[in-house]
Amino acid sequence: MRAYSNDLLVELNHELTDVFPAARDLLYHFLDAAALMTASELSTLIASAGIDSGTVRRVIDFLIYYGVLGLRTDEGDLFIYRANYNPKMIEARAQRTGESALYVINPAFWPALNIKPTA
């Protein structure tokens, strides 16, 4: 599982760098992060990687589209593959939830990023 997780991390890091050159190695800033984050915590983490504030939302959208991030809902964690690959469904729910929205890191990345399971 750890080898698969590392492969995902490396490949997605390359893809992210192709789309957002300034986001080189951004995914490694998620090392030891909490599995669940508010929008504010997530934005702060991304900004700490040197991403300018005008690009943070686009990077979050990328991470949602590629399944790195999902949204915690009453029905369970909502990732892109459960939203018919339509990221607007996830974002609409996040906006409706407002400040209490919780983003979740996909468990497939947990071994590579040393993310601890949450309740």
N, C-alpha and C. Protein backbone atom coordinates (compact mmCIF):
# COMPACT_ATOMS: atom_id res chain seq x y z
N MET A 1 0.83 -1.19 0.00
CA MET A 1 0.00 0.00 0.00
C MET A 1 0.87 1.26 0.00
N ARG A 2 1.95 1.22 0.78
CA ARG A 2 2.83 2.39 0.84
C ARG A 2 3.48 2.65 -0.52
N ALA A 3 3.89 1.60 -1.22
CA ALA A 3 4.51 1.77 -2.55
C ALA A 3 3.50 2.37 -3.54
N TYR A 4 2.28 1.88 -3.52
CA TYR A 4 1.23 2.42 -4.38
C TYR A 4 0.98 3.89 -4.04
N SER A 5 0.89 4.20 -2.77
CA SER A 5 0.66 5.57 -2.33
C SER A 5 1.79 6.49 -2.78
N ASN A 6 3.03 6.02 -2.65
CA ASN A 6 4.17 6.81 -3.10
C ASN A 6 4.15 7.04 -4.60
N ASP A 7 3.77 6.01 -5.36
CA ASP A 7 3.66 6.16 -6.82
C ASP A 7 2.62 7.22 -7.17
N LEU A 8 1.48 7.19 -6.50
CA LEU A 8 0.44 8.21 -6.72
C LEU A 8 0.98 9.60 -6.43
N LEU A 9 1.67 9.72 -5.32
CA LEU A 9 2.21 11.02 -4.91
C LEU A 9 3.20 11.56 -5.94
N VAL A 10 4.12 10.74 -6.38
CA VAL A 10 5.13 11.17 -7.35
C VAL A 10 4.48 11.56 -8.67
N GLU A 11 3.59 10.73 -9.18
CA GLU A 11 2.95 11.01 -10.47
C GLU A 11 2.09 12.26 -10.41
N LEU A 12 1.32 12.40 -9.35
CA LEU A 12 0.47 13.58 -9.24
C LEU A 12 1.29 14.85 -9.02
N ASN A 13 2.40 14.74 -8.34
CA ASN A 13 3.28 15.89 -8.17
C ASN A 13 3.79 16.38 -9.52
N HIS A 14 4.12 15.44 -10.41
CA HIS A 14 4.55 15.82 -11.76
C HIS A 14 3.42 16.51 -12.52
N GLU A 15 2.23 15.96 -12.43
CA GLU A 15 1.07 16.55 -13.10
C GLU A 15 0.78 17.95 -12.58
N LEU A 16 0.80 18.10 -11.28
CA LEU A 16 0.55 19.41 -10.67
C LEU A 16 1.60 20.42 -11.11
N THR A 17 2.85 20.01 -11.15
CA THR A 17 3.93 20.90 -11.56
C THR A 17 3.77 21.32 -13.02
N ASP A 18 3.27 20.41 -13.87
CA ASP A 18 3.02 20.76 -15.27
C ASP A 18 1.96 21.83 -15.40
N VAL A 19 0.91 21.74 -14.58
CA VAL A 19 -0.20 22.69 -14.65
C VAL A 19 0.12 23.98 -13.90
N PHE A 20 0.74 23.85 -12.74
CA PHE A 20 1.09 25.00 -11.89
C PHE A 20 2.58 24.92 -11.56
N PRO A 21 3.45 25.43 -12.40
CA PRO A 21 4.89 25.33 -12.12
C PRO A 21 5.29 25.86 -10.74
N ALA A 22 4.59 26.86 -10.26
CA ALA A 22 4.91 27.41 -8.94
C ALA A 22 4.56 26.44 -7.81
N ALA A 23 3.79 25.42 -8.13
CA ALA A 23 3.35 24.45 -7.11
C ALA A 23 4.26 23.23 -7.04
N ARG A 24 5.46 23.37 -7.57
CA ARG A 24 6.41 22.26 -7.54
C ARG A 24 6.58 21.76 -6.10
N ASP A 25 6.39 20.47 -5.92
CA ASP A 25 6.53 19.80 -4.62
C ASP A 25 5.50 20.23 -3.58
N LEU A 26 4.44 20.88 -4.00
CA LEU A 26 3.38 21.29 -3.07
C LEU A 26 2.85 20.12 -2.26
N LEU A 27 2.65 18.99 -2.91
CA LEU A 27 2.05 17.85 -2.20
C LEU A 27 2.87 17.42 -0.99
N TYR A 28 4.17 17.66 -1.04
CA TYR A 28 5.02 17.28 0.10
C TYR A 28 4.79 18.19 1.31
N HIS A 29 4.13 19.31 1.13
CA HIS A 29 3.77 20.17 2.25
C HIS A 29 2.62 19.57 3.06
N PHE A 30 1.98 18.53 2.49
CA PHE A 30 0.92 17.83 3.21
C PHE A 30 1.47 16.76 4.14
N LEU A 31 2.80 16.56 4.16
CA LEU A 31 3.39 15.58 5.06
C LEU A 31 2.97 15.87 6.50
N ASP A 32 2.52 14.84 7.18
CA ASP A 32 2.11 14.91 8.59
C ASP A 32 0.91 15.83 8.83
N ALA A 33 0.21 16.22 7.77
CA ALA A 33 -0.96 17.09 7.93
C ALA A 33 -2.13 16.32 8.53
N ALA A 34 -3.10 17.06 9.02
CA ALA A 34 -4.33 16.44 9.50
C ALA A 34 -5.11 15.91 8.31
N ALA A 35 -5.80 14.81 8.48
CA ALA A 35 -6.60 14.23 7.40
C ALA A 35 -7.78 15.13 7.06
N LEU A 36 -8.26 15.88 8.04
CA LEU A 36 -9.39 16.81 7.85
C LEU A 36 -8.91 18.22 8.09
N MET A 37 -9.31 19.14 7.18
CA MET A 37 -8.93 20.54 7.32
C MET A 37 -10.09 21.44 6.91
N THR A 38 -10.21 22.56 7.60
CA THR A 38 -11.15 23.58 7.17
C THR A 38 -10.60 24.24 5.90
N ALA A 39 -11.42 24.99 5.23
CA ALA A 39 -10.97 25.71 4.04
C ALA A 39 -9.84 26.66 4.40
N SER A 40 -9.94 27.30 5.54
CA SER A 40 -8.90 28.23 5.98
C SER A 40 -7.59 27.51 6.25
N GLU A 41 -7.64 26.37 6.93
CA GLU A 41 -6.43 25.59 7.21
C GLU A 41 -5.80 25.10 5.91
N LEU A 42 -6.65 24.66 4.99
CA LEU A 42 -6.15 24.17 3.71
C LEU A 42 -5.49 25.29 2.91
N SER A 43 -6.12 26.45 2.88
CA SER A 43 -5.55 27.60 2.17
C SER A 43 -4.22 28.02 2.79
N THR A 44 -4.15 28.00 4.10
CA THR A 44 -2.90 28.36 4.79
C THR A 44 -1.80 27.37 4.45
N LEU A 45 -2.11 26.08 4.44
CA LEU A 45 -1.12 25.07 4.11
C LEU A 45 -0.60 25.28 2.68
N ILE A 46 -1.50 25.52 1.75
CA ILE A 46 -1.10 25.72 0.35
C ILE A 46 -0.29 26.99 0.20
N ALA A 47 -0.71 28.05 0.86
CA ALA A 47 0.04 29.32 0.80
C ALA A 47 1.43 29.16 1.42
N SER A 48 1.56 28.30 2.43
CA SER A 48 2.87 28.09 3.06
C SER A 48 3.87 27.43 2.11
N ALA A 49 3.36 26.87 1.03
CA ALA A 49 4.23 26.25 0.02
C ALA A 49 4.69 27.28 -1.01
N GLY A 50 4.35 28.55 -0.78
CA GLY A 50 4.77 29.61 -1.69
C GLY A 50 3.79 29.90 -2.81
N ILE A 51 2.59 29.37 -2.70
CA ILE A 51 1.56 29.63 -3.72
C ILE A 51 0.91 30.97 -3.41
N ASP A 52 0.85 31.85 -4.41
CA ASP A 52 0.26 33.17 -4.15
C ASP A 52 -1.24 33.04 -3.92
N SER A 53 -1.78 33.96 -3.17
CA SER A 53 -3.18 33.88 -2.73
C SER A 53 -4.16 33.84 -3.90
N GLY A 54 -3.79 34.43 -5.03
CA GLY A 54 -4.68 34.41 -6.19
C GLY A 54 -4.76 33.06 -6.88
N THR A 55 -3.86 32.16 -6.54
CA THR A 55 -3.80 30.84 -7.18
C THR A 55 -4.28 29.73 -6.26
N VAL A 56 -4.40 30.01 -4.98
CA VAL A 56 -4.75 28.97 -3.99
C VAL A 56 -6.04 28.26 -4.37
N ARG A 57 -7.09 29.00 -4.73
CA ARG A 57 -8.38 28.36 -5.07
C ARG A 57 -8.24 27.44 -6.27
N ARG A 58 -7.47 27.85 -7.26
CA ARG A 58 -7.29 27.01 -8.45
C ARG A 58 -6.53 25.73 -8.09
N VAL A 59 -5.58 25.84 -7.19
CA VAL A 59 -4.84 24.65 -6.75
C VAL A 59 -5.78 23.71 -5.99
N ILE A 60 -6.62 24.25 -5.12
CA ILE A 60 -7.60 23.41 -4.40
C ILE A 60 -8.50 22.71 -5.40
N ASP A 61 -8.98 23.44 -6.40
CA ASP A 61 -9.83 22.83 -7.43
C ASP A 61 -9.11 21.69 -8.15
N PHE A 62 -7.82 21.89 -8.45
CA PHE A 62 -7.01 20.84 -9.07
C PHE A 62 -6.95 19.62 -8.17
N LEU A 63 -6.68 19.84 -6.89
CA LEU A 63 -6.56 18.73 -5.94
C LEU A 63 -7.88 17.98 -5.78
N ILE A 64 -8.99 18.69 -5.87
CA ILE A 64 -10.30 18.04 -5.83
C ILE A 64 -10.50 17.23 -7.11
N TYR A 65 -10.22 17.84 -8.25
CA TYR A 65 -10.43 17.17 -9.54
C TYR A 65 -9.62 15.89 -9.65
N TYR A 66 -8.40 15.90 -9.14
CA TYR A 66 -7.56 14.72 -9.23
C TYR A 66 -7.72 13.77 -8.04
N GLY A 67 -8.69 14.03 -7.19
CA GLY A 67 -9.03 13.10 -6.13
C GLY A 67 -8.13 13.13 -4.91
N VAL A 68 -7.25 14.12 -4.82
CA VAL A 68 -6.41 14.24 -3.63
C VAL A 68 -7.25 14.70 -2.45
N LEU A 69 -8.16 15.61 -2.71
CA LEU A 69 -9.04 16.16 -1.67
C LEU A 69 -10.48 15.81 -1.96
N GLY A 70 -11.22 15.64 -0.89
CA GLY A 70 -12.66 15.46 -0.96
C GLY A 70 -13.29 16.32 0.12
N LEU A 71 -14.57 16.17 0.27
CA LEU A 71 -15.33 16.94 1.25
C LEU A 71 -16.02 15.99 2.21
N ARG A 72 -15.89 16.22 3.49
CA ARG A 72 -16.60 15.42 4.50
C ARG A 72 -18.06 15.87 4.53
N THR A 73 -18.98 14.94 4.33
CA THR A 73 -20.41 15.23 4.38
C THR A 73 -21.08 14.30 5.38
N ASP A 74 -22.34 14.55 5.66
CA ASP A 74 -23.09 13.68 6.57
C ASP A 74 -23.21 12.26 6.01
N GLU A 75 -23.17 12.14 4.68
CA GLU A 75 -23.29 10.84 4.03
C GLU A 75 -21.94 10.13 3.87
N GLY A 76 -20.86 10.77 4.25
CA GLY A 76 -19.53 10.20 4.09
C GLY A 76 -18.64 11.15 3.32
N ASP A 77 -17.45 10.71 3.00
CA ASP A 77 -16.50 11.55 2.29
C ASP A 77 -16.84 11.57 0.81
N LEU A 78 -16.94 12.77 0.26
CA LEU A 78 -17.32 12.95 -1.14
C LEU A 78 -16.08 13.30 -1.95
N PHE A 79 -15.62 12.33 -2.75
CA PHE A 79 -14.50 12.54 -3.66
C PHE A 79 -15.03 12.62 -5.08
N ILE A 80 -14.21 13.08 -5.99
CA ILE A 80 -14.60 13.32 -7.37
C ILE A 80 -15.27 12.10 -8.00
N TYR A 81 -14.79 10.92 -7.72
CA TYR A 81 -15.35 9.72 -8.32
C TYR A 81 -16.75 9.41 -7.80
N ARG A 82 -17.12 9.95 -6.65
CA ARG A 82 -18.49 9.80 -6.12
C ARG A 82 -19.39 10.94 -6.56
N ALA A 83 -18.81 11.93 -7.22
CA ALA A 83 -19.58 13.09 -7.70
C ALA A 83 -19.64 13.09 -9.22
N ASN A 84 -19.58 11.89 -9.82
CA ASN A 84 -19.63 11.76 -11.28
C ASN A 84 -18.57 12.61 -11.97
N TYR A 85 -17.43 12.73 -11.34
CA TYR A 85 -16.29 13.51 -11.87
C TYR A 85 -16.67 14.95 -12.19
N ASN A 86 -17.58 15.47 -11.39
CA ASN A 86 -18.03 16.86 -11.54
C ASN A 86 -17.61 17.63 -10.27
N PRO A 87 -16.49 18.36 -10.35
CA PRO A 87 -16.00 19.06 -9.16
C PRO A 87 -16.96 20.15 -8.66
N LYS A 88 -17.84 20.64 -9.51
CA LYS A 88 -18.78 21.68 -9.08
C LYS A 88 -19.75 21.14 -8.04
N MET A 89 -20.03 19.84 -8.08
CA MET A 89 -20.91 19.25 -7.06
C MET A 89 -20.25 19.31 -5.69
N ILE A 90 -18.95 19.10 -5.65
CA ILE A 90 -18.22 19.16 -4.38
C ILE A 90 -18.12 20.60 -3.90
N GLU A 91 -17.77 21.50 -4.80
CA GLU A 91 -17.62 22.91 -4.42
C GLU A 91 -18.94 23.51 -3.96
N ALA A 92 -20.04 23.17 -4.63
CA ALA A 92 -21.35 23.70 -4.22
C ALA A 92 -21.70 23.26 -2.80
N ARG A 93 -21.40 22.02 -2.48
CA ARG A 93 -21.66 21.55 -1.11
C ARG A 93 -20.74 22.23 -0.11
N ALA A 94 -19.50 22.46 -0.49
CA ALA A 94 -18.57 23.15 0.40
C ALA A 94 -19.04 24.57 0.66
N GLN A 95 -19.49 25.26 -0.37
CA GLN A 95 -19.97 26.63 -0.20
C GLN A 95 -21.23 26.66 0.65
N ARG A 96 -22.10 25.70 0.47
CA ARG A 96 -23.34 25.64 1.25
C ARG A 96 -23.03 25.40 2.73
N THR A 97 -21.98 24.63 3.00
CA THR A 97 -21.57 24.34 4.37
C THR A 97 -20.87 25.53 5.01
N GLY A 98 -20.24 26.36 4.17
CA GLY A 98 -19.58 27.57 4.66
C GLY A 98 -18.32 27.26 5.45
N GLU A 99 -18.12 28.03 6.51
CA GLU A 99 -16.90 27.92 7.32
C GLU A 99 -16.75 26.56 7.99
N SER A 100 -17.85 25.82 8.14
CA SER A 100 -17.75 24.51 8.80
C SER A 100 -17.38 23.39 7.81
N ALA A 101 -17.18 23.71 6.54
CA ALA A 101 -16.79 22.70 5.55
C ALA A 101 -15.46 22.08 5.95
N LEU A 102 -15.37 20.78 5.82
CA LEU A 102 -14.14 20.06 6.12
C LEU A 102 -13.68 19.32 4.87
N TYR A 103 -12.45 19.62 4.46
CA TYR A 103 -11.84 18.91 3.34
C TYR A 103 -11.05 17.74 3.91
N VAL A 104 -11.07 16.64 3.19
CA VAL A 104 -10.40 15.42 3.64
C VAL A 104 -9.38 14.99 2.59
N ILE A 105 -8.22 14.57 3.04
CA ILE A 105 -7.20 14.03 2.15
C ILE A 105 -7.58 12.59 1.84
N ASN A 106 -7.51 12.24 0.57
CA ASN A 106 -7.84 10.89 0.13
C ASN A 106 -6.97 9.87 0.86
N PRO A 107 -7.58 8.85 1.45
CA PRO A 107 -6.80 7.84 2.19
C PRO A 107 -5.72 7.15 1.35
N ALA A 108 -5.83 7.18 0.04
CA ALA A 108 -4.79 6.57 -0.81
C ALA A 108 -3.45 7.27 -0.65
N PHE A 109 -3.48 8.53 -0.21
CA PHE A 109 -2.25 9.30 -0.01
C PHE A 109 -1.72 9.23 1.41
N TRP A 110 -2.50 8.68 2.33
CA TRP A 110 -2.11 8.68 3.73
C TRP A 110 -0.79 7.99 4.00
N PRO A 111 -0.53 6.79 3.44
CA PRO A 111 0.76 6.15 3.75
C PRO A 111 1.95 6.98 3.27
N ALA A 112 1.87 7.55 2.08
CA ALA A 112 2.99 8.31 1.53
C ALA A 112 3.22 9.62 2.28
N LEU A 113 2.14 10.22 2.76
CA LEU A 113 2.24 11.52 3.41
C LEU A 113 2.21 11.45 4.93
N ASN A 114 2.18 10.24 5.47
CA ASN A 114 2.15 10.05 6.91
C ASN A 114 0.95 10.75 7.56
N ILE A 115 -0.20 10.59 6.94
CA ILE A 115 -1.45 11.16 7.45
C ILE A 115 -2.06 10.14 8.41
N LYS A 116 -2.50 10.60 9.55
CA LYS A 116 -3.10 9.70 10.54
C LYS A 116 -4.61 9.62 10.31
N PRO A 117 -5.18 8.41 10.45
CA PRO A 117 -6.63 8.25 10.29
C PRO A 117 -7.41 9.12 11.27
N THR A 118 -8.60 9.51 10.84
CA THR A 118 -9.49 10.30 11.70
C THR A 118 -10.77 9.54 11.93
N ALA A 119 -11.52 10.00 12.88
CA ALA A 119 -12.80 9.35 13.19
C ALA A 119 -13.82 9.65 12.13
